[in-house]
Amino acid sequence: MDNDNEQCANDEFIPETLEERLWGLTEIFPQSIVDKACYVGKITKRHCKIALHYGRTYGWMIGSSAAILFIPLITHRELQKKC
């Protein structure tokens, strides 16, 4: 009998996606808070994109410069060790 009650409870449960849960939260808060949260999210996304762009650019510059400067030195030392 107890197992039947659990079965009914499981049948009534409809899983929600994260998007549905977040949309449900927007109905709880005032519109001004929702608008500010959206604004903060957009600004954060934009700054993350900018940081990623500059990180890739500077990473490429530093990595290629290091390769150009240090690979000849390393190969020169290896050639001197062999002689």
C-alpha atoms as a PDB file:
ATOM      1  CA  MET A   1       0.000   0.000   0.000  1.00  0.00           C
ATOM      2  CA  ASP A   2       2.813   2.424   0.897  1.00  0.00           C
ATOM      3  CA  ASN A   3       4.528   1.606  -2.379  1.00  0.00           C
ATOM      4  CA  ASP A   4       1.395   2.722  -4.280  1.00  0.00           C
ATOM      5  CA  ASN A   5       1.535   6.144  -2.594  1.00  0.00           C
ATOM      6  CA  GLU A   6       5.182   6.543  -3.599  1.00  0.00           C
ATOM      7  CA  GLN A   7       4.311   5.584  -7.174  1.00  0.00           C
ATOM      8  CA  CYS A   8       1.618   8.291  -7.319  1.00  0.00           C
ATOM      9  CA  ALA A   9       4.006  10.878  -5.906  1.00  0.00           C
ATOM     10  CA  ASN A  10       6.616   9.984  -8.531  1.00  0.00           C
ATOM     11  CA  ASP A  11       4.039  10.207 -11.340  1.00  0.00           C
ATOM     12  CA  GLU A  12       3.037  13.732 -10.276  1.00  0.00           C
ATOM     13  CA  PHE A  13       6.629  15.014 -10.262  1.00  0.00           C
ATOM     14  CA  ILE A  14       7.507  16.699 -13.543  1.00  0.00           C
ATOM     15  CA  PRO A  15      11.206  17.560 -13.823  1.00  0.00           C
ATOM     16  CA  GLU A  16      11.924  21.184 -14.652  1.00  0.00           C
ATOM     17  CA  THR A  17      14.849  22.496 -16.607  1.00  0.00           C
ATOM     18  CA  LEU A  18      17.153  25.126 -15.157  1.00  0.00           C
ATOM     19  CA  GLU A  19      15.679  27.670 -17.546  1.00  0.00           C
ATOM     20  CA  GLU A  20      12.159  26.984 -16.277  1.00  0.00           C
ATOM     21  CA  ARG A  21      13.268  27.332 -12.670  1.00  0.00           C
ATOM     22  CA  LEU A  22      15.056  30.640 -13.341  1.00  0.00           C
ATOM     23  CA  TRP A  23      12.039  31.952 -15.237  1.00  0.00           C
ATOM     24  CA  GLY A  24       9.886  31.035 -12.235  1.00  0.00           C
ATOM     25  CA  LEU A  25      12.171  33.083 -10.003  1.00  0.00           C
ATOM     26  CA  THR A  26      11.617  36.148 -12.169  1.00  0.00           C
ATOM     27  CA  GLU A  27       7.961  36.066 -11.197  1.00  0.00           C
ATOM     28  CA  ILE A  28       8.870  36.301  -7.505  1.00  0.00           C
ATOM     29  CA  PHE A  29      11.158  39.343  -7.653  1.00  0.00           C
ATOM     30  CA  PRO A  30      10.163  42.885  -8.634  1.00  0.00           C
ATOM     31  CA  GLN A  31      10.832  43.886 -12.235  1.00  0.00           C
ATOM     32  CA  SER A  32      13.538  46.380 -11.213  1.00  0.00           C
ATOM     33  CA  ILE A  33      15.618  43.622  -9.609  1.00  0.00           C
ATOM     34  CA  VAL A  34      15.143  41.354 -12.619  1.00  0.00           C
ATOM     35  CA  ASP A  35      16.232  44.158 -14.953  1.00  0.00           C
ATOM     36  CA  LYS A  36      19.333  44.878 -12.873  1.00  0.00           C
ATOM     37  CA  ALA A  37      20.248  41.181 -12.755  1.00  0.00           C
ATOM     38  CA  CYS A  38      19.910  40.965 -16.551  1.00  0.00           C
ATOM     39  CA  TYR A  39      22.083  44.048 -16.921  1.00  0.00           C
ATOM     40  CA  VAL A  40      24.766  42.599 -14.635  1.00  0.00           C
ATOM     41  CA  GLY A  41      24.655  39.329 -16.580  1.00  0.00           C
ATOM     42  CA  LYS A  42      25.086  41.113 -19.918  1.00  0.00           C
ATOM     43  CA  ILE A  43      27.973  43.229 -18.613  1.00  0.00           C
ATOM     44  CA  THR A  44      29.659  40.151 -17.136  1.00  0.00           C
ATOM     45  CA  LYS A  45      29.318  38.250 -20.406  1.00  0.00           C
ATOM     46  CA  ARG A  46      30.738  41.174 -22.381  1.00  0.00           C
ATOM     47  CA  HIS A  47      33.720  41.572 -20.057  1.00  0.00           C
ATOM     48  CA  CYS A  48      34.438  37.840 -20.132  1.00  0.00           C
ATOM     49  CA  LYS A  49      34.511  37.951 -23.935  1.00  0.00           C
ATOM     50  CA  ILE A  50      36.857  40.931 -23.864  1.00  0.00           C
ATOM     51  CA  ALA A  51      39.139  39.263 -21.313  1.00  0.00           C
ATOM     52  CA  LEU A  52      39.232  36.077 -23.385  1.00  0.00           C
ATOM     53  CA  HIS A  53      40.059  38.031 -26.521  1.00  0.00           C
ATOM     54  CA  TYR A  54      42.921  39.941 -24.895  1.00  0.00           C
ATOM     55  CA  GLY A  55      44.137  36.824 -23.089  1.00  0.00           C
ATOM     56  CA  ARG A  56      44.391  34.913 -26.354  1.00  0.00           C
ATOM     57  CA  THR A  57      46.080  37.834 -28.104  1.00  0.00           C
ATOM     58  CA  TYR A  58      48.659  38.434 -25.397  1.00  0.00           C
ATOM     59  CA  GLY A  59      49.191  34.714 -24.898  1.00  0.00           C
ATOM     60  CA  TRP A  60      49.960  34.336 -28.589  1.00  0.00           C
ATOM     61  CA  MET A  61      52.308  37.337 -28.527  1.00  0.00           C
ATOM     62  CA  ILE A  62      54.215  36.088 -25.479  1.00  0.00           C
ATOM     63  CA  GLY A  63      54.362  32.498 -26.689  1.00  0.00           C
ATOM     64  CA  SER A  64      55.545  33.319 -30.188  1.00  0.00           C
ATOM     65  CA  SER A  65      58.082  35.852 -28.891  1.00  0.00           C
ATOM     66  CA  ALA A  66      59.449  33.309 -26.441  1.00  0.00           C
ATOM     67  CA  ALA A  67      59.747  30.730 -29.208  1.00  0.00           C
ATOM     68  CA  ILE A  68      61.538  33.153 -31.509  1.00  0.00           C
ATOM     69  CA  LEU A  69      63.928  34.276 -28.765  1.00  0.00           C
ATOM     70  CA  PHE A  70      64.692  31.097 -26.855  1.00  0.00           C
ATOM     71  CA  ILE A  71      64.528  28.209 -29.343  1.00  0.00           C
ATOM     72  CA  PRO A  72      67.698  29.363 -31.153  1.00  0.00           C
ATOM     73  CA  LEU A  73      69.499  29.638 -27.798  1.00  0.00           C
ATOM     74  CA  ILE A  74      68.429  26.171 -26.739  1.00  0.00           C
ATOM     75  CA  THR A  75      69.422  24.585 -30.045  1.00  0.00           C
ATOM     76  CA  HIS A  76      72.771  26.382 -29.954  1.00  0.00           C
ATOM     77  CA  ARG A  77      73.502  24.988 -26.467  1.00  0.00           C
ATOM     78  CA  GLU A  78      72.519  21.483 -27.550  1.00  0.00           C
ATOM     79  CA  LEU A  79      74.801  21.682 -30.559  1.00  0.00           C
ATOM     80  CA  GLN A  80      77.702  22.854 -28.347  1.00  0.00           C
ATOM     81  CA  LYS A  81      77.138  19.953 -25.925  1.00  0.00           C
ATOM     82  CA  LYS A  82      77.364  17.428 -28.771  1.00  0.00           C
ATOM     83  CA  CYS A  83      80.654  18.847 -30.099  1.00  0.00           C
END
